Amino acid sequence: MKQSVIHMWDVHEIVLTSEQTFDNPYTDVTVWVDLKGPGFDKRVYGFWDGGNTFKVRVTATAPGVWDYVSG
């Protein structure tokens, strides 16, 4: 697992690349991550960024270890 140092309150982009292609990824795909960190456990939705690329923007609201699972 790749680990990165993210500063609190900085925006971080999680970049996801689909192996599938879609006729209209803007409307046909819902992308999200279940983000967990100190005092935080929520689903955060992302967006299509062209081609087969999707992004989810997150920020750390507290220092500590943060993990996510994408879907």
C-alpha atoms as a PDB file:
ATOM      1  CA  MET A   1       0.000   0.000   0.000  1.00  0.00           C
ATOM      2  CA  LYS A   2       1.331   3.409  -0.957  1.00  0.00           C
ATOM      3  CA  GLN A   3       1.551   5.890   1.878  1.00  0.00           C
ATOM      4  CA  SER A   4       1.671   9.640   1.509  1.00  0.00           C
ATOM      5  CA  VAL A   5       2.110  12.475   3.949  1.00  0.00           C
ATOM      6  CA  ILE A   6      -0.904  14.744   3.694  1.00  0.00           C
ATOM      7  CA  HIS A   7      -1.091  17.974   5.645  1.00  0.00           C
ATOM      8  CA  MET A   8      -4.231  18.735   7.580  1.00  0.00           C
ATOM      9  CA  TRP A   9      -6.785  20.809   5.620  1.00  0.00           C
ATOM     10  CA  ASP A  10      -4.875  20.448   2.312  1.00  0.00           C
ATOM     11  CA  VAL A  11      -6.953  19.071  -0.547  1.00  0.00           C
ATOM     12  CA  HIS A  12      -5.757  15.692  -1.805  1.00  0.00           C
ATOM     13  CA  GLU A  13      -7.004  14.075  -5.028  1.00  0.00           C
ATOM     14  CA  ILE A  14      -7.458  10.321  -5.117  1.00  0.00           C
ATOM     15  CA  VAL A  15      -7.117   9.343  -8.786  1.00  0.00           C
ATOM     16  CA  LEU A  16      -8.920   6.189  -9.926  1.00  0.00           C
ATOM     17  CA  THR A  17      -8.580   4.690 -13.399  1.00  0.00           C
ATOM     18  CA  SER A  18     -11.297   2.436 -14.775  1.00  0.00           C
ATOM     19  CA  GLU A  19     -10.429  -0.597 -16.891  1.00  0.00           C
ATOM     20  CA  GLN A  20     -13.918  -0.362 -18.411  1.00  0.00           C
ATOM     21  CA  THR A  21     -15.130   2.197 -20.910  1.00  0.00           C
ATOM     22  CA  PHE A  22     -18.535   3.843 -20.686  1.00  0.00           C
ATOM     23  CA  ASP A  23     -20.800   5.476 -23.260  1.00  0.00           C
ATOM     24  CA  ASN A  24     -21.353   8.403 -20.910  1.00  0.00           C
ATOM     25  CA  PRO A  25     -19.124   8.221 -17.817  1.00  0.00           C
ATOM     26  CA  TYR A  26     -20.568  11.516 -16.547  1.00  0.00           C
ATOM     27  CA  THR A  27     -23.998   9.945 -16.006  1.00  0.00           C
ATOM     28  CA  ASP A  28     -23.298   6.180 -16.064  1.00  0.00           C
ATOM     29  CA  VAL A  29     -20.754   5.991 -13.229  1.00  0.00           C
ATOM     30  CA  THR A  30     -20.976   6.842  -9.539  1.00  0.00           C
ATOM     31  CA  VAL A  31     -17.532   6.895  -7.961  1.00  0.00           C
ATOM     32  CA  TRP A  32     -16.861   7.112  -4.232  1.00  0.00           C
ATOM     33  CA  VAL A  33     -14.473   6.281  -1.418  1.00  0.00           C
ATOM     34  CA  ASP A  34     -15.317   5.252   2.121  1.00  0.00           C
ATOM     35  CA  LEU A  35     -12.890   7.489   3.992  1.00  0.00           C
ATOM     36  CA  LYS A  36     -11.890   6.704   7.576  1.00  0.00           C
ATOM     37  CA  GLY A  37      -9.672   8.682   9.868  1.00  0.00           C
ATOM     38  CA  PRO A  38      -9.549  10.035  13.414  1.00  0.00           C
ATOM     39  CA  GLY A  39     -13.156  10.935  14.268  1.00  0.00           C
ATOM     40  CA  PHE A  40     -14.243  10.582  10.631  1.00  0.00           C
ATOM     41  CA  ASP A  41     -16.035   7.772   8.774  1.00  0.00           C
ATOM     42  CA  LYS A  42     -17.972   8.880   5.698  1.00  0.00           C
ATOM     43  CA  ARG A  43     -18.585   8.122   2.042  1.00  0.00           C
ATOM     44  CA  VAL A  44     -17.140  10.828  -0.209  1.00  0.00           C
ATOM     45  CA  TYR A  45     -18.261  11.025  -3.836  1.00  0.00           C
ATOM     46  CA  GLY A  46     -16.038  11.880  -6.776  1.00  0.00           C
ATOM     47  CA  PHE A  47     -16.335  12.886 -10.398  1.00  0.00           C
ATOM     48  CA  TRP A  48     -15.348  11.910 -13.922  1.00  0.00           C
ATOM     49  CA  ASP A  49     -12.230  13.737 -15.117  1.00  0.00           C
ATOM     50  CA  GLY A  50     -12.132  12.638 -18.754  1.00  0.00           C
ATOM     51  CA  GLY A  51     -11.281   9.362 -20.462  1.00  0.00           C
ATOM     52  CA  ASN A  52     -11.197   6.541 -17.914  1.00  0.00           C
ATOM     53  CA  THR A  53     -10.086   8.805 -15.052  1.00  0.00           C
ATOM     54  CA  PHE A  54     -12.175   9.549 -11.977  1.00  0.00           C
ATOM     55  CA  LYS A  55     -11.172  11.672  -8.988  1.00  0.00           C
ATOM     56  CA  VAL A  56     -12.265  12.075  -5.397  1.00  0.00           C
ATOM     57  CA  ARG A  57     -11.129  15.150  -3.480  1.00  0.00           C
ATOM     58  CA  VAL A  58     -10.599  14.726   0.247  1.00  0.00           C
ATOM     59  CA  THR A  59      -9.015  16.584   3.128  1.00  0.00           C
ATOM     60  CA  ALA A  60      -7.696  15.401   6.474  1.00  0.00           C
ATOM     61  CA  THR A  61      -9.570  17.116   9.307  1.00  0.00           C
ATOM     62  CA  ALA A  62      -7.316  15.705  12.037  1.00  0.00           C
ATOM     63  CA  PRO A  63      -3.765  14.362  12.255  1.00  0.00           C
ATOM     64  CA  GLY A  64      -3.368  10.591  12.145  1.00  0.00           C
ATOM     65  CA  VAL A  65      -3.776   7.625   9.833  1.00  0.00           C
ATOM     66  CA  TRP A  66      -6.406   7.904   7.077  1.00  0.00           C
ATOM     67  CA  ASP A  67      -7.572   4.996   4.918  1.00  0.00           C
ATOM     68  CA  TYR A  68     -10.066   4.602   2.114  1.00  0.00           C
ATOM     69  CA  VAL A  69     -11.799   1.919   0.076  1.00  0.00           C
ATOM     70  CA  SER A  70     -13.018   2.879  -3.396  1.00  0.00           C
ATOM     71  CA  GLY A  71     -16.125   1.799  -5.220  1.00  0.00           C
END
